[in-house]
N, C-alpha and C. Protein backbone atom coordinates (compact mmCIF):
# COMPACT_ATOMS: atom_id res chain seq x y z
N UNK A 1 98.68 155.39 68.81
CA UNK A 1 97.84 156.23 67.93
C UNK A 1 97.22 157.70 68.86
N UNK A 2 96.38 157.29 69.67
CA UNK A 2 96.51 157.72 70.84
C UNK A 2 97.04 158.58 71.78
N UNK A 3 99.33 158.87 72.09
CA UNK A 3 99.48 159.04 72.59
C UNK A 3 99.61 160.91 72.57
N UNK A 4 100.14 161.78 74.22
CA UNK A 4 99.63 162.66 73.53
C UNK A 4 101.17 163.19 73.19
N UNK A 5 101.72 162.98 72.76
CA UNK A 5 103.29 163.53 72.46
C UNK A 5 103.40 164.28 70.87
N UNK A 6 102.05 164.08 70.45
CA UNK A 6 101.79 164.88 69.05
C UNK A 6 101.74 163.54 68.18
N UNK A 7 100.96 164.22 66.97
CA UNK A 7 100.58 163.55 65.83
C UNK A 7 101.69 163.65 64.77
N UNK A 8 102.01 162.11 64.35
CA UNK A 8 103.25 161.51 63.14
C UNK A 8 102.55 161.32 62.29
N UNK A 9 102.14 161.81 61.10
CA UNK A 9 101.51 161.08 60.69
C UNK A 9 101.77 160.13 59.54
N UNK A 10 103.22 160.00 59.24
CA UNK A 10 103.84 158.57 59.23
C UNK A 10 103.63 158.09 59.77
N UNK A 11 104.10 158.30 61.12
CA UNK A 11 104.37 157.31 62.04
C UNK A 11 102.88 156.33 62.15
N UNK A 12 101.62 157.08 62.26
CA UNK A 12 100.50 156.89 62.10
C UNK A 12 99.70 156.32 61.16
N UNK A 13 100.69 156.42 60.21
CA UNK A 13 100.14 155.89 59.05
C UNK A 13 100.53 154.26 58.46
N UNK A 14 102.05 153.88 59.23
CA UNK A 14 102.56 153.07 59.54
C UNK A 14 101.91 151.88 61.03
N UNK A 15 101.27 152.62 61.23
CA UNK A 15 100.65 151.87 62.27
C UNK A 15 99.53 151.54 62.51
N UNK A 16 99.25 151.51 60.81
CA UNK A 16 97.47 151.56 60.25
C UNK A 16 97.71 150.05 59.54
N UNK A 17 99.28 150.90 58.11
CA UNK A 17 99.67 148.82 57.27
C UNK A 17 99.82 148.42 58.25
N UNK A 18 100.30 148.02 59.46
CA UNK A 18 101.16 147.27 59.72
C UNK A 18 99.67 146.47 60.70
N UNK A 19 98.43 147.60 61.35
CA UNK A 19 97.67 146.46 62.22
C UNK A 19 96.34 145.86 60.57
N UNK A 20 96.34 146.27 59.49
CA UNK A 20 95.43 146.20 58.38
C UNK A 20 96.26 144.69 57.87
N UNK A 21 97.61 144.51 57.82
CA UNK A 21 97.98 143.75 57.05
C UNK A 21 98.56 142.77 58.54
N UNK A 22 98.58 142.91 59.47
CA UNK A 22 98.22 141.62 60.69
C UNK A 22 96.45 141.18 60.32
N UNK A 23 95.66 142.34 60.69
CA UNK A 23 94.53 141.45 60.13
C UNK A 23 94.03 140.80 59.13
N UNK A 24 94.58 141.26 58.00
CA UNK A 24 93.85 140.05 56.77
C UNK A 24 94.92 139.31 57.14
N UNK A 25 96.01 138.67 57.60
CA UNK A 25 96.59 137.29 57.98
C UNK A 25 95.71 136.71 59.04
N UNK A 26 95.15 137.35 60.17
CA UNK A 26 94.52 136.44 60.49
C UNK A 26 92.87 136.49 59.90
N UNK A 27 92.72 136.69 59.86
CA UNK A 27 91.29 136.35 58.52
C UNK A 27 91.10 135.83 57.29
N UNK A 28 92.49 135.78 57.24
CA UNK A 28 93.19 134.60 55.83
C UNK A 28 92.96 133.80 56.74
N UNK A 29 93.72 133.53 57.76
CA UNK A 29 93.79 132.23 58.33
C UNK A 29 92.01 131.38 59.35
N UNK A 30 91.48 132.30 59.79
CA UNK A 30 90.24 132.10 60.05
C UNK A 30 89.38 131.34 59.71
N UNK A 31 89.48 132.33 58.67
CA UNK A 31 88.09 132.06 57.05
C UNK A 31 88.77 129.84 56.79
N UNK A 32 89.00 129.89 56.71
CA UNK A 32 90.07 128.35 56.81
C UNK A 32 89.60 127.40 57.32
N UNK A 33 89.13 128.31 58.12
CA UNK A 33 88.41 127.27 59.47
C UNK A 33 87.11 127.86 59.78
N UNK A 34 86.60 128.80 59.24
CA UNK A 34 85.48 129.01 59.63
C UNK A 34 84.01 128.09 59.04
N UNK A 35 84.00 127.54 57.97
CA UNK A 35 82.92 127.22 58.06
C UNK A 35 82.78 126.02 58.93
N UNK A 36 83.70 125.33 60.22
CA UNK A 36 83.78 124.27 61.17
C UNK A 36 83.77 124.54 62.25
N UNK A 37 83.99 126.28 62.45
CA UNK A 37 84.42 126.73 63.75
C UNK A 37 83.76 127.76 64.12
N UNK A 38 82.42 128.44 64.91
CA UNK A 38 82.08 129.97 65.06
C UNK A 38 82.63 130.18 65.35
N UNK A 39 83.91 130.26 66.18
CA UNK A 39 84.69 131.04 66.60
C UNK A 39 85.35 131.83 66.02
N UNK A 40 85.71 131.08 65.37
CA UNK A 40 87.21 131.53 64.19
C UNK A 40 85.63 131.83 62.87
N UNK A 41 84.78 131.77 63.12
CA UNK A 41 83.69 132.70 61.87
C UNK A 41 83.87 134.58 62.66
N UNK A 42 83.72 134.00 63.60
CA UNK A 42 83.81 135.87 64.77
C UNK A 42 84.87 136.14 64.28
N UNK A 43 86.37 135.76 64.98
CA UNK A 43 87.23 135.88 64.74
C UNK A 43 87.63 136.38 63.47
N UNK A 44 86.84 135.68 61.91
CA UNK A 44 87.07 136.57 60.55
C UNK A 44 86.37 137.64 60.79
N UNK A 45 85.64 138.33 60.80
CA UNK A 45 84.50 139.09 61.38
C UNK A 45 85.26 140.35 62.12
N UNK A 46 85.70 139.49 63.53
CA UNK A 46 86.34 140.87 64.17
C UNK A 46 87.26 141.37 63.41
N UNK A 47 88.38 140.53 62.39
CA UNK A 47 89.38 141.26 61.13
C UNK A 47 88.70 141.88 60.54
N UNK A 48 87.75 141.96 59.89
CA UNK A 48 87.45 142.28 58.74
C UNK A 48 87.14 143.31 58.90
N UNK A 49 86.18 143.89 60.39
CA UNK A 49 86.10 145.07 61.44
C UNK A 49 86.43 145.70 61.71
N UNK A 50 88.64 145.42 61.92
CA UNK A 50 88.81 146.31 62.27
C UNK A 50 89.96 146.60 60.83
N UNK A 51 89.85 146.27 60.29
CA UNK A 51 91.00 146.21 58.75
C UNK A 51 89.44 147.56 58.45
N UNK A 52 88.65 146.58 58.09
CA UNK A 52 87.52 148.88 57.83
C UNK A 52 87.94 149.52 58.68
N UNK A 53 88.09 149.40 59.70
CA UNK A 53 88.32 151.12 60.14
C UNK A 53 89.24 151.31 60.25
N UNK A 54 90.58 150.43 60.44
CA UNK A 54 92.22 150.84 59.62
C UNK A 54 92.25 151.23 58.40
N UNK A 55 91.14 151.21 58.00
CA UNK A 55 91.32 151.60 56.30
C UNK A 55 90.51 153.62 55.87
N UNK A 56 89.59 152.95 56.66
CA UNK A 56 88.54 154.00 56.80
C UNK A 56 89.54 155.63 57.91
N UNK A 57 90.29 155.30 58.97
CA UNK A 57 91.05 156.06 59.55
C UNK A 57 91.95 156.33 58.38
N UNK A 58 92.38 155.52 57.32
CA UNK A 58 94.21 155.84 56.59
C UNK A 58 93.57 156.61 55.57
N UNK A 59 92.04 156.50 55.22
CA UNK A 59 91.69 157.52 53.85
C UNK A 59 91.06 158.36 54.68
N UNK A 60 90.80 158.69 55.60
CA UNK A 60 90.42 160.23 55.99
C UNK A 60 91.53 161.20 56.50
N UNK A 61 92.94 160.59 56.99
CA UNK A 61 94.15 161.13 57.16
C UNK A 61 94.68 161.39 55.59
N UNK A 62 94.47 161.23 54.42
CA UNK A 62 95.20 161.13 53.86
C UNK A 62 94.19 162.15 52.81
N UNK A 63 92.93 162.67 53.45
CA UNK A 63 92.03 163.21 52.42
C UNK A 63 92.21 164.81 53.59
N UNK A 64 92.47 164.63 54.41
CA UNK A 64 93.23 165.48 55.26
C UNK A 64 94.72 166.32 54.86
N UNK A 65 95.16 165.85 54.39
CA UNK A 65 96.34 166.61 53.27
C UNK A 65 97.73 165.60 54.14
């Protein structure tokens, strides 16, 4: 998304959607093991933080038009 070739909103939204989907899948898997593994718990938390950041970026982009 940081390429200097210009910003294409549709492409950026697609990248954000893909990132959100990947984080959701990873988080769901890690949550299955979070009670038994501190690493999986931390991974799930990191995935949630990444999803939150992507959603915030997406919402900001939609608000801009």
